[in-house]
Amino acid sequence: MLGAIESLMSAVVSDRMSNDHHNPNVELFGQGVANIISPMFGGLPATGAIARTATNIRAGAQSPIAGMIHALTLLCILLFAAPLVNTFPWRSWPESSWWSLTTWENGARFRSC
């Protein structure tokens, strides 16, 4: 139920950003079908993602193809870059995580730790 509410809120926000209108019945039906079929292939339940949607709208995307390209890009990264993880020294993982945390936009408050 919470996933459906989140998806509908994401759709409403994207409608306001793009001056468009969505059909909530189609939105919930598509999400329900995806969440029923996804576990059959080892997938997890999914909801609408406002961060990616808002980024695509701000970048000028006009169709759902932008989301598909993003998904394919993540798949390629997963398939081709995942084997490189084993070449990364395991003892440097905490340091790299700390470095990325402190270089974020709001990381200034963590630098005093």
PDB file of N, CA and C in Angstrom:
ATOM      1  N   MET A   1       0.817  -1.182   0.000  1.00  0.00           N
ATOM      2  CA  MET A   1       0.000   0.000   0.000  1.00  0.00           C
ATOM      3  C   MET A   1       0.870   1.257   0.000  1.00  0.00           C
ATOM      4  N   LEU A   2       1.930   1.207   0.809  1.00  0.00           N
ATOM      5  CA  LEU A   2       2.818   2.362   0.882  1.00  0.00           C
ATOM      6  C   LEU A   2       3.514   2.614  -0.456  1.00  0.00           C
ATOM      7  N   GLY A   3       3.899   1.552  -1.151  1.00  0.00           N
ATOM      8  CA  GLY A   3       4.522   1.692  -2.470  1.00  0.00           C
ATOM      9  C   GLY A   3       3.584   2.324  -3.478  1.00  0.00           C
ATOM     10  N   ALA A   4       2.301   1.967  -3.419  1.00  0.00           N
ATOM     11  CA  ALA A   4       1.321   2.557  -4.331  1.00  0.00           C
ATOM     12  C   ALA A   4       1.164   4.051  -4.058  1.00  0.00           C
ATOM     13  N   ILE A   5       1.127   4.419  -2.795  1.00  0.00           N
ATOM     14  CA  ILE A   5       1.004   5.838  -2.446  1.00  0.00           C
ATOM     15  C   ILE A   5       2.230   6.612  -2.913  1.00  0.00           C
ATOM     16  N   GLU A   6       3.402   6.031  -2.707  1.00  0.00           N
ATOM     17  CA  GLU A   6       4.639   6.695  -3.144  1.00  0.00           C
ATOM     18  C   GLU A   6       4.663   6.873  -4.664  1.00  0.00           C
ATOM     19  N   SER A   7       4.232   5.857  -5.393  1.00  0.00           N
ATOM     20  CA  SER A   7       4.213   5.954  -6.851  1.00  0.00           C
ATOM     21  C   SER A   7       3.232   7.015  -7.333  1.00  0.00           C
ATOM     22  N   LEU A   8       2.063   7.067  -6.707  1.00  0.00           N
ATOM     23  CA  LEU A   8       1.082   8.076  -7.098  1.00  0.00           C
ATOM     24  C   LEU A   8       1.561   9.485  -6.762  1.00  0.00           C
ATOM     25  N   MET A   9       2.227   9.641  -5.618  1.00  0.00           N
ATOM     26  CA  MET A   9       2.785  10.958  -5.277  1.00  0.00           C
ATOM     27  C   MET A   9       3.874  11.357  -6.260  1.00  0.00           C
ATOM     28  N   SER A  10       4.700  10.398  -6.645  1.00  0.00           N
ATOM     29  CA  SER A  10       5.743  10.665  -7.636  1.00  0.00           C
ATOM     30  C   SER A  10       5.129  11.090  -8.956  1.00  0.00           C
ATOM     31  N   ALA A  11       4.046  10.430  -9.358  1.00  0.00           N
ATOM     32  CA  ALA A  11       3.376  10.777 -10.610  1.00  0.00           C
ATOM     33  C   ALA A  11       2.748  12.164 -10.541  1.00  0.00           C
ATOM     34  N   VAL A  12       2.169  12.520  -9.405  1.00  0.00           N
ATOM     35  CA  VAL A  12       1.564  13.847  -9.252  1.00  0.00           C
ATOM     36  C   VAL A  12       2.632  14.930  -9.328  1.00  0.00           C
ATOM     37  N   VAL A  13       3.759  14.712  -8.663  1.00  0.00           N
ATOM     38  CA  VAL A  13       4.851  15.692  -8.708  1.00  0.00           C
ATOM     39  C   VAL A  13       5.379  15.840 -10.130  1.00  0.00           C
ATOM     40  N   SER A  14       5.561  14.723 -10.816  1.00  0.00           N
ATOM     41  CA  SER A  14       6.063  14.803 -12.191  1.00  0.00           C
ATOM     42  C   SER A  14       5.034  15.459 -13.118  1.00  0.00           C
ATOM     43  N   ASP A  15       3.744  15.242 -12.842  1.00  0.00           N
ATOM     44  CA  ASP A  15       2.706  15.916 -13.629  1.00  0.00           C
ATOM     45  C   ASP A  15       2.806  17.427 -13.474  1.00  0.00           C
ATOM     46  N   ARG A  16       3.017  17.875 -12.256  1.00  0.00           N
ATOM     47  CA  ARG A  16       3.131  19.320 -12.011  1.00  0.00           C
ATOM     48  C   ARG A  16       4.386  19.899 -12.656  1.00  0.00           C
ATOM     49  N   MET A  17       5.465  19.127 -12.653  1.00  0.00           N
ATOM     50  CA  MET A  17       6.708  19.623 -13.249  1.00  0.00           C
ATOM     51  C   MET A  17       6.620  19.686 -14.765  1.00  0.00           C
ATOM     52  N   SER A  18       5.881  18.741 -15.366  1.00  0.00           N
ATOM     53  CA  SER A  18       5.851  18.651 -16.827  1.00  0.00           C
ATOM     54  C   SER A  18       4.551  19.151 -17.446  1.00  0.00           C
ATOM     55  N   ASN A  19       3.628  19.652 -16.612  1.00  0.00           N
ATOM     56  CA  ASN A  19       2.318  20.102 -17.093  1.00  0.00           C
ATOM     57  C   ASN A  19       1.619  19.006 -17.891  1.00  0.00           C
ATOM     58  N   ASP A  20       1.633  17.807 -17.364  1.00  0.00           N
ATOM     59  CA  ASP A  20       1.039  16.641 -18.006  1.00  0.00           C
ATOM     60  C   ASP A  20       0.025  16.032 -17.045  1.00  0.00           C
ATOM     61  N   HIS A  21      -0.657  14.993 -17.471  1.00  0.00           N
ATOM     62  CA  HIS A  21      -1.627  14.310 -16.612  1.00  0.00           C
ATOM     63  C   HIS A  21      -1.457  12.806 -16.775  1.00  0.00           C
ATOM     64  N   HIS A  22      -1.412  12.091 -15.665  1.00  0.00           N
ATOM     65  CA  HIS A  22      -1.270  10.636 -15.710  1.00  0.00           C
ATOM     66  C   HIS A  22      -2.597   9.971 -15.378  1.00  0.00           C
ATOM     67  N   ASN A  23      -2.702   8.705 -15.722  1.00  0.00           N
ATOM     68  CA  ASN A  23      -3.876   7.900 -15.397  1.00  0.00           C
ATOM     69  C   ASN A  23      -3.502   7.015 -14.208  1.00  0.00           C
ATOM     70  N   PRO A  24      -4.040   7.291 -13.010  1.00  0.00           N
ATOM     71  CA  PRO A  24      -3.628   6.515 -11.833  1.00  0.00           C
ATOM     72  C   PRO A  24      -3.967   5.029 -11.937  1.00  0.00           C
ATOM     73  N   ASN A  25      -5.042   4.681 -12.642  1.00  0.00           N
ATOM     74  CA  ASN A  25      -5.387   3.259 -12.786  1.00  0.00           C
ATOM     75  C   ASN A  25      -4.318   2.507 -13.567  1.00  0.00           C
ATOM     76  N   VAL A  26      -3.839   3.116 -14.642  1.00  0.00           N
ATOM     77  CA  VAL A  26      -2.791   2.485 -15.450  1.00  0.00           C
ATOM     78  C   VAL A  26      -1.498   2.399 -14.646  1.00  0.00           C
ATOM     79  N   GLU A  27      -1.190   3.454 -13.888  1.00  0.00           N
ATOM     80  CA  GLU A  27       0.012   3.486 -13.046  1.00  0.00           C
ATOM     81  C   GLU A  27       0.012   2.327 -12.049  1.00  0.00           C
ATOM     82  N   LEU A  28      -1.084   2.172 -11.323  1.00  0.00           N
ATOM     83  CA  LEU A  28      -1.155   1.124 -10.306  1.00  0.00           C
ATOM     84  C   LEU A  28      -1.243  -0.273 -10.916  1.00  0.00           C
ATOM     85  N   PHE A  29      -1.912  -0.408 -12.046  1.00  0.00           N
ATOM     86  CA  PHE A  29      -1.986  -1.709 -12.708  1.00  0.00           C
ATOM     87  C   PHE A  29      -0.598  -2.144 -13.171  1.00  0.00           C
ATOM     88  N   GLY A  30       0.132  -1.231 -13.802  1.00  0.00           N
ATOM     89  CA  GLY A  30       1.485  -1.549 -14.266  1.00  0.00           C
ATOM     90  C   GLY A  30       2.420  -1.900 -13.128  1.00  0.00           C
ATOM     91  N   GLN A  31       2.318  -1.154 -12.033  1.00  0.00           N
ATOM     92  CA  GLN A  31       3.170  -1.441 -10.880  1.00  0.00           C
ATOM     93  C   GLN A  31       2.793  -2.787 -10.270  1.00  0.00           C
ATOM     94  N   GLY A  32       1.505  -3.090 -10.202  1.00  0.00           N
ATOM     95  CA  GLY A  32       1.074  -4.370  -9.646  1.00  0.00           C
ATOM     96  C   GLY A  32       1.556  -5.543 -10.474  1.00  0.00           C
ATOM     97  N   VAL A  33       1.433  -5.444 -11.798  1.00  0.00           N
ATOM     98  CA  VAL A  33       1.900  -6.522 -12.677  1.00  0.00           C
ATOM     99  C   VAL A  33       3.409  -6.704 -12.524  1.00  0.00           C
ATOM    100  N   ALA A  34       4.140  -5.589 -12.500  1.00  0.00           N
ATOM    101  CA  ALA A  34       5.600  -5.682 -12.356  1.00  0.00           C
ATOM    102  C   ALA A  34       5.993  -6.304 -11.023  1.00  0.00           C
ATOM    103  N   ASN A  35       5.286  -5.957  -9.959  1.00  0.00           N
ATOM    104  CA  ASN A  35       5.624  -6.494  -8.642  1.00  0.00           C
ATOM    105  C   ASN A  35       5.190  -7.938  -8.458  1.00  0.00           C
ATOM    106  N   ILE A  36       4.278  -8.421  -9.285  1.00  0.00           N
ATOM    107  CA  ILE A  36       3.905  -9.839  -9.245  1.00  0.00           C
ATOM    108  C   ILE A  36       4.898 -10.668 -10.057  1.00  0.00           C
ATOM    109  N   ILE A  37       5.311 -10.159 -11.204  1.00  0.00           N
ATOM    110  CA  ILE A  37       6.201 -10.910 -12.099  1.00  0.00           C
ATOM    111  C   ILE A  37       7.669 -10.818 -11.667  1.00  0.00           C
ATOM    112  N   SER A  38       8.083  -9.702 -11.128  1.00  0.00           N
ATOM    113  CA  SER A  38       9.491  -9.481 -10.775  1.00  0.00           C
ATOM    114  C   SER A  38      10.072 -10.553  -9.851  1.00  0.00           C
ATOM    115  N   PRO A  39       9.380 -10.965  -8.771  1.00  0.00           N
ATOM    116  CA  PRO A  39       9.968 -12.001  -7.900  1.00  0.00           C
ATOM    117  C   PRO A  39      10.175 -13.340  -8.589  1.00  0.00           C
ATOM    118  N   MET A  40       9.467 -13.590  -9.667  1.00  0.00           N
ATOM    119  CA  MET A  40       9.653 -14.845 -10.390  1.00  0.00           C
ATOM    120  C   MET A  40      11.034 -14.932 -11.030  1.00  0.00           C
ATOM    121  N   PHE A  41      11.666 -13.780 -11.208  1.00  0.00           N
ATOM    122  CA  PHE A  41      13.003 -13.722 -11.798  1.00  0.00           C
ATOM    123  C   PHE A  41      14.046 -13.236 -10.797  1.00  0.00           C
ATOM    124  N   GLY A  42      13.703 -13.280  -9.520  1.00  0.00           N
ATOM    125  CA  GLY A  42      14.641 -12.870  -8.481  1.00  0.00           C
ATOM    126  C   GLY A  42      14.652 -11.383  -8.220  1.00  0.00           C
ATOM    127  N   GLY A  43      13.676 -10.663  -8.746  1.00  0.00           N
ATOM    128  CA  GLY A  43      13.613  -9.219  -8.556  1.00  0.00           C
ATOM    129  C   GLY A  43      12.945  -8.832  -7.250  1.00  0.00           C
ATOM    130  N   LEU A  44      12.995  -7.556  -6.952  1.00  0.00           N
ATOM    131  CA  LEU A  44      12.388  -7.009  -5.745  1.00  0.00           C
ATOM    132  C   LEU A  44      11.233  -6.096  -6.126  1.00  0.00           C
ATOM    133  N   PRO A  45      10.280  -5.905  -5.229  1.00  0.00           N
ATOM    134  CA  PRO A  45       9.192  -4.969  -5.522  1.00  0.00           C
ATOM    135  C   PRO A  45       9.731  -3.568  -5.780  1.00  0.00           C
ATOM    136  N   ALA A  46       9.058  -2.832  -6.649  1.00  0.00           N
ATOM    137  CA  ALA A  46       9.525  -1.505  -7.035  1.00  0.00           C
ATOM    138  C   ALA A  46       8.405  -0.484  -6.907  1.00  0.00           C
ATOM    139  N   THR A  47       8.793   0.764  -6.760  1.00  0.00           N
ATOM    140  CA  THR A  47       7.843   1.869  -6.714  1.00  0.00           C
ATOM    141  C   THR A  47       8.341   2.971  -7.634  1.00  0.00           C
ATOM    142  N   GLY A  48       7.541   3.996  -7.789  1.00  0.00           N
ATOM    143  CA  GLY A  48       7.954   5.146  -8.583  1.00  0.00           C
ATOM    144  C   GLY A  48       9.102   5.876  -7.903  1.00  0.00           C
ATOM    145  N   ALA A  49      10.042   6.362  -8.674  1.00  0.00           N
ATOM    146  CA  ALA A  49      11.212   7.050  -8.119  1.00  0.00           C
ATOM    147  C   ALA A  49      11.175   8.512  -8.541  1.00  0.00           C
ATOM    148  N   ILE A  50      10.924   9.400  -7.594  1.00  0.00           N
ATOM    149  CA  ILE A  50      10.798  10.814  -7.923  1.00  0.00           C
ATOM    150  C   ILE A  50      12.148  11.431  -8.277  1.00  0.00           C
ATOM    151  N   ALA A  51      13.231  10.950  -7.689  1.00  0.00           N
ATOM    152  CA  ALA A  51      14.536  11.556  -7.973  1.00  0.00           C
ATOM    153  C   ALA A  51      14.918  11.399  -9.438  1.00  0.00           C
ATOM    154  N   ARG A  52      14.800  10.195  -9.971  1.00  0.00           N
ATOM    155  CA  ARG A  52      15.149   9.964 -11.370  1.00  0.00           C
ATOM    156  C   ARG A  52      14.155  10.652 -12.299  1.00  0.00           C
ATOM    157  N   THR A  53      12.874  10.626 -11.929  1.00  0.00           N
ATOM    158  CA  THR A  53      11.853  11.275 -12.749  1.00  0.00           C
ATOM    159  C   THR A  53      12.093  12.772 -12.829  1.00  0.00           C
ATOM    160  N   ALA A  54      12.349  13.397 -11.689  1.00  0.00           N
ATOM    161  CA  ALA A  54      12.591  14.842 -11.671  1.00  0.00           C
ATOM    162  C   ALA A  54      13.856  15.199 -12.450  1.00  0.00           C
ATOM    163  N   THR A  55      14.886  14.390 -12.329  1.00  0.00           N
ATOM    164  CA  THR A  55      16.119  14.636 -13.077  1.00  0.00           C
ATOM    165  C   THR A  55      15.869  14.552 -14.574  1.00  0.00           C
ATOM    166  N   ASN A  56      15.124  13.550 -15.011  1.00  0.00           N
ATOM    167  CA  ASN A  56      14.816  13.416 -16.433  1.00  0.00           C
ATOM    168  C   ASN A  56      13.984  14.586 -16.945  1.00  0.00           C
ATOM    169  N   ILE A  57      13.007  15.031 -16.172  1.00  0.00           N
ATOM    170  CA  ILE A  57      12.177  16.153 -16.598  1.00  0.00           C
ATOM    171  C   ILE A  57      13.013  17.420 -16.696  1.00  0.00           C
ATOM    172  N   ARG A  58      13.858  17.661 -15.702  1.00  0.00           N
ATOM    173  CA  ARG A  58      14.724  18.858 -15.740  1.00  0.00           C
ATOM    174  C   ARG A  58      15.717  18.813 -16.890  1.00  0.00           C
ATOM    175  N   ALA A  59      16.106  17.599 -17.293  1.00  0.00           N
ATOM    176  CA  ALA A  59      17.051  17.460 -18.406  1.00  0.00           C
ATOM    177  C   ALA A  59      16.363  17.563 -19.759  1.00  0.00           C
ATOM    178  N   GLY A  60      15.023  17.643 -19.755  1.00  0.00           N
ATOM    179  CA  GLY A  60      14.305  17.824 -21.002  1.00  0.00           C
ATOM    180  C   GLY A  60      13.758  16.553 -21.616  1.00  0.00           C
ATOM    181  N   ALA A  61      13.688  15.474 -20.847  1.00  0.00           N
ATOM    182  CA  ALA A  61      13.160  14.214 -21.389  1.00  0.00           C
ATOM    183  C   ALA A  61      11.685  14.370 -21.730  1.00  0.00           C
ATOM    184  N   GLN A  62      11.289  13.823 -22.863  1.00  0.00           N
ATOM    185  CA  GLN A  62       9.907  13.925 -23.324  1.00  0.00           C
ATOM    186  C   GLN A  62       9.185  12.591 -23.335  1.00  0.00           C
ATOM    187  N   SER A  63       9.900  11.495 -23.135  1.00  0.00           N
ATOM    188  CA  SER A  63       9.284  10.170 -23.212  1.00  0.00           C
ATOM    189  C   SER A  63       9.918   9.251 -22.168  1.00  0.00           C
ATOM    190  N   PRO A  64       9.331   8.083 -21.947  1.00  0.00           N
ATOM    191  CA  PRO A  64       9.891   7.135 -20.985  1.00  0.00           C
ATOM    192  C   PRO A  64      11.210   6.517 -21.424  1.00  0.00           C
ATOM    193  N   ILE A  65      11.663   6.834 -22.622  1.00  0.00           N
ATOM    194  CA  ILE A  65      12.919   6.261 -23.116  1.00  0.00           C
ATOM    195  C   ILE A  65      14.095   6.680 -22.225  1.00  0.00           C
ATOM    196  N   ALA A  66      14.018   7.870 -21.633  1.00  0.00           N
ATOM    197  CA  ALA A  66      15.099   8.321 -20.747  1.00  0.00           C
ATOM    198  C   ALA A  66      15.262   7.358 -19.568  1.00  0.00           C
ATOM    199  N   GLY A  67      14.159   6.894 -18.992  1.00  0.00           N
ATOM    200  CA  GLY A  67      14.229   5.916 -17.907  1.00  0.00           C
ATOM    201  C   GLY A  67      14.783   4.587 -18.370  1.00  0.00           C
ATOM    202  N   MET A  68      14.433   4.192 -19.584  1.00  0.00           N
ATOM    203  CA  MET A  68      14.949   2.928 -20.130  1.00  0.00           C
ATOM    204  C   MET A  68      16.447   3.009 -20.370  1.00  0.00           C
ATOM    205  N   ILE A  69      16.907   4.138 -20.876  1.00  0.00           N
ATOM    206  CA  ILE A  69      18.345   4.326 -21.092  1.00  0.00           C
ATOM    207  C   ILE A  69      19.082   4.303 -19.762  1.00  0.00           C
ATOM    208  N   HIS A  70      18.492   4.915 -18.740  1.00  0.00           N
ATOM    209  CA  HIS A  70      19.103   4.898 -17.411  1.00  0.00           C
ATOM    210  C   HIS A  70      19.205   3.471 -16.885  1.00  0.00           C
ATOM    211  N   ALA A  71      18.139   2.690 -17.050  1.00  0.00           N
ATOM    212  CA  ALA A  71      18.156   1.293 -16.593  1.00  0.00           C
ATOM    213  C   ALA A  71      19.197   0.473 -17.343  1.00  0.00           C
ATOM    214  N   LEU A  72      19.295   0.676 -18.645  1.00  0.00           N
ATOM    215  CA  LEU A  72      20.302  -0.056 -19.431  1.00  0.00           C
ATOM    216  C   LEU A  72      21.720   0.352 -19.040  1.00  0.00           C
ATOM    217  N   THR A  73      21.910   1.630 -18.743  1.00  0.00           N
ATOM    218  CA  THR A  73      23.221   2.100 -18.294  1.00  0.00           C
ATOM    219  C   THR A  73      23.608   1.425 -16.976  1.00  0.00           C
ATOM    220  N   LEU A  74      22.662   1.366 -16.037  1.00  0.00           N
ATOM    221  CA  LEU A  74      22.943   0.693 -14.769  1.00  0.00           C
ATOM    222  C   LEU A  74      23.227  -0.794 -14.974  1.00  0.00           C
ATOM    223  N   LEU A  75      22.505  -1.422 -15.896  1.00  0.00           N
ATOM    224  CA  LEU A  75      22.751  -2.832 -16.187  1.00  0.00           C
ATOM    225  C   LEU A  75      24.154  -3.036 -16.744  1.00  0.00           C
ATOM    226  N   CYS A  76      24.575  -2.174 -17.666  1.00  0.00           N
ATOM    227  CA  CYS A  76      25.929  -2.286 -18.234  1.00  0.00           C
ATOM    228  C   CYS A  76      26.994  -2.079 -17.162  1.00  0.00           C
ATOM    229  N   ILE A  77      26.775  -1.107 -16.280  1.00  0.00           N
ATOM    230  CA  ILE A  77      27.725  -0.880 -15.187  1.00  0.00           C
ATOM    231  C   ILE A  77      27.794  -2.119 -14.302  1.00  0.00           C
ATOM    232  N   LEU A  78      26.642  -2.690 -14.000  1.00  0.00           N
ATOM    233  CA  LEU A  78      26.609  -3.880 -13.159  1.00  0.00           C
ATOM    234  C   LEU A  78      27.329  -5.052 -13.809  1.00  0.00           C
ATOM    235  N   LEU A  79      27.103  -5.245 -15.096  1.00  0.00           N
ATOM    236  CA  LEU A  79      27.702  -6.392 -15.782  1.00  0.00           C
ATOM    237  C   LEU A  79      29.194  -6.239 -16.022  1.00  0.00           C
ATOM    238  N   PHE A  80      29.626  -5.023 -16.363  1.00  0.00           N
ATOM    239  CA  PHE A  80      31.021  -4.841 -16.758  1.00  0.00           C
ATOM    240  C   PHE A  80      31.916  -4.304 -15.642  1.00  0.00           C
ATOM    241  N   ALA A  81      31.364  -3.555 -14.708  1.00  0.00           N
ATOM    242  CA  ALA A  81      32.201  -2.995 -13.650  1.00  0.00           C
ATOM    243  C   ALA A  81      32.205  -3.852 -12.393  1.00  0.00           C
ATOM    244  N   ALA A  82      31.192  -4.685 -12.213  1.00  0.00           N
ATOM    245  CA  ALA A  82      31.141  -5.532 -11.016  1.00  0.00           C
ATOM    246  C   ALA A  82      32.356  -6.443 -10.884  1.00  0.00           C
ATOM    247  N   PRO A  83      32.856  -7.045 -11.964  1.00  0.00           N
ATOM    248  CA  PRO A  83      34.057  -7.882 -11.804  1.00  0.00           C
ATOM    249  C   PRO A  83      35.285  -7.093 -11.347  1.00  0.00           C
ATOM    250  N   LEU A  84      35.300  -5.794 -11.579  1.00  0.00           N
ATOM    251  CA  LEU A  84      36.439  -4.985 -11.153  1.00  0.00           C
ATOM    252  C   LEU A  84      36.478  -4.765  -9.650  1.00  0.00           C
ATOM    253  N   VAL A  85      35.357  -5.013  -8.980  1.00  0.00           N
ATOM    254  CA  VAL A  85      35.301  -4.811  -7.535  1.00  0.00           C
ATOM    255  C   VAL A  85      36.307  -5.710  -6.828  1.00  0.00           C
ATOM    256  N   ASN A  86      36.526  -6.909  -7.326  1.00  0.00           N
ATOM    257  CA  ASN A  86      37.464  -7.824  -6.682  1.00  0.00           C
ATOM    258  C   ASN A  86      38.910  -7.357  -6.773  1.00  0.00           C
ATOM    259  N   THR A  87      39.213  -6.459  -7.709  1.00  0.00           N
ATOM    260  CA  THR A  87      40.574  -5.953  -7.818  1.00  0.00           C
ATOM    261  C   THR A  87      40.834  -4.788  -6.858  1.00  0.00           C
ATOM    262  N   PHE A  88      39.782  -4.263  -6.255  1.00  0.00           N
ATOM    263  CA  PHE A  88      39.908  -3.136  -5.327  1.00  0.00           C
ATOM    264  C   PHE A  88      40.324  -3.669  -3.957  1.00  0.00           C
ATOM    265  N   PRO A  89      41.346  -3.099  -3.336  1.00  0.00           N
ATOM    266  CA  PRO A  89      41.795  -3.606  -2.026  1.00  0.00           C
ATOM    267  C   PRO A  89      40.695  -3.463  -0.973  1.00  0.00           C
ATOM    268  N   TRP A  90      40.339  -4.554  -0.306  1.00  0.00           N
ATOM    269  CA  TRP A  90      39.227  -4.544   0.644  1.00  0.00           C
ATOM    270  C   TRP A  90      39.470  -3.612   1.818  1.00  0.00           C
ATOM    271  N   ARG A  91      40.723  -3.437   2.220  1.00  0.00           N
ATOM    272  CA  ARG A  91      40.999  -2.585   3.374  1.00  0.00           C
ATOM    273  C   ARG A  91      40.785  -1.102   3.084  1.00  0.00           C
ATOM    274  N   SER A  92      40.697  -0.746   1.824  1.00  0.00           N
ATOM    275  CA  SER A  92      40.493   0.668   1.500  1.00  0.00           C
ATOM    276  C   SER A  92      39.023   1.034   1.313  1.00  0.00           C
ATOM    277  N   TRP A  93      38.102   0.067   1.449  1.00  0.00           N
ATOM    278  CA  TRP A  93      36.676   0.378   1.315  1.00  0.00           C
ATOM    279  C   TRP A  93      36.212   1.419   2.327  1.00  0.00           C
ATOM    280  N   PRO A  94      36.531   1.284   3.620  1.00  0.00           N
ATOM    281  CA  PRO A  94      36.058   2.311   4.567  1.00  0.00           C
ATOM    282  C   PRO A  94      36.616   3.700   4.251  1.00  0.00           C
ATOM    283  N   GLU A  95      37.870   3.773   3.832  1.00  0.00           N
ATOM    284  CA  GLU A  95      38.454   5.069   3.514  1.00  0.00           C
ATOM    285  C   GLU A  95      37.784   5.697   2.305  1.00  0.00           C
ATOM    286  N   SER A  96      37.478   4.879   1.289  1.00  0.00           N
ATOM    287  CA  SER A  96      36.817   5.436   0.106  1.00  0.00           C
ATOM    288  C   SER A  96      35.393   5.863   0.436  1.00  0.00           C
ATOM    289  N   SER A  97      34.732   5.134   1.328  1.00  0.00           N
ATOM    290  CA  SER A  97      33.381   5.535   1.742  1.00  0.00           C
ATOM    291  C   SER A  97      33.438   6.847   2.511  1.00  0.00           C
ATOM    292  N   TRP A  98      34.412   6.976   3.398  1.00  0.00           N
ATOM    293  CA  TRP A  98      34.550   8.214   4.163  1.00  0.00           C
ATOM    294  C   TRP A  98      34.891   9.377   3.240  1.00  0.00           C
ATOM    295  N   TRP A  99      35.732   9.141   2.255  1.00  0.00           N
ATOM    296  CA  TRP A  99      36.088  10.204   1.315  1.00  0.00           C
ATOM    297  C   TRP A  99      34.864  10.679   0.539  1.00  0.00           C
ATOM    298  N   SER A 100      34.054   9.739   0.049  1.00  0.00           N
ATOM    299  CA  SER A 100      32.867  10.146  -0.705  1.00  0.00           C
ATOM    300  C   SER A 100      31.869  10.865   0.187  1.00  0.00           C
ATOM    301  N   LEU A 101      31.767  10.452   1.438  1.00  0.00           N
ATOM    302  CA  LEU A 101      30.854  11.114   2.367  1.00  0.00           C
ATOM    303  C   LEU A 101      31.277  12.557   2.615  1.00  0.00           C
ATOM    304  N   THR A 102      32.559  12.782   2.808  1.00  0.00           N
ATOM    305  CA  THR A 102      33.024  14.130   3.133  1.00  0.00           C
ATOM    306  C   THR A 102      33.101  15.044   1.918  1.00  0.00           C
ATOM    307  N   THR A 103      33.022  14.506   0.712  1.00  0.00           N
ATOM    308  CA  THR A 103      33.061  15.363  -0.467  1.00  0.00           C
ATOM    309  C   THR A 103      31.668  15.688  -0.998  1.00  0.00           C
ATOM    310  N   TRP A 104      30.642  15.157  -0.389  1.00  0.00           N
ATOM    311  CA  TRP A 104      29.290  15.497  -0.794  1.00  0.00           C
ATOM    312  C   TRP A 104      28.992  16.943  -0.466  1.00  0.00           C
ATOM    313  N   GLU A 105      27.931  17.432  -1.012  1.00  0.00           N
ATOM    314  CA  GLU A 105      27.541  18.827  -0.814  1.00  0.00           C
ATOM    315  C   GLU A 105      27.332  19.163   0.658  1.00  0.00           C
ATOM    316  N   ASN A 106      26.693  18.287   1.393  1.00  0.00           N
ATOM    317  CA  ASN A 106      26.437  18.542   2.807  1.00  0.00           C
ATOM    318  C   ASN A 106      27.468  17.869   3.706  1.00  0.00           C
ATOM    319  N   GLY A 107      28.578  17.467   3.164  1.00  0.00           N
ATOM    320  CA  GLY A 107      29.587  16.770   3.926  1.00  0.00           C
ATOM    321  C   GLY A 107      30.366  17.645   4.895  1.00  0.00           C
ATOM    322  N   ALA A 108      30.204  18.947   4.816  1.00  0.00           N
ATOM    323  CA  ALA A 108      30.974  19.847   5.675  1.00  0.00           C
ATOM    324  C   ALA A 108      30.728  19.568   7.158  1.00  0.00           C
ATOM    325  N   ARG A 109      29.533  19.164   7.528  1.00  0.00           N
ATOM    326  CA  ARG A 109      29.249  18.924   8.939  1.00  0.00           C
ATOM    327  C   ARG A 109      29.936  17.657   9.447  1.00  0.00           C
ATOM    328  N   PHE A 110      30.353  16.740   8.536  1.00  0.00           N
ATOM    329  CA  PHE A 110      31.017  15.518   8.942  1.00  0.00           C
ATOM    330  C   PHE A 110      32.539  15.672   9.040  1.00  0.00           C
ATOM    331  N   ARG A 111      33.068  16.736   8.488  1.00  0.00           N
ATOM    332  CA  ARG A 111      34.536  16.905   8.484  1.00  0.00           C
ATOM    333  C   ARG A 111      35.097  17.141   9.866  1.00  0.00           C
ATOM    334  N   SER A 112      34.270  17.593  10.792  1.00  0.00           N
ATOM    335  CA  SER A 112      34.767  17.857  12.134  1.00  0.00           C
ATOM    336  C   SER A 112      34.853  16.603  12.982  1.00  0.00           C
ATOM    337  N   CYS A 113      34.363  15.467  12.487  1.00  0.00           N
ATOM    338  CA  CYS A 113      34.378  14.221  13.254  1.00  0.00           C
ATOM    339  C   CYS A 113      35.785  13.704  13.441  1.00  0.00           C
TER     340      CYS A 113
END
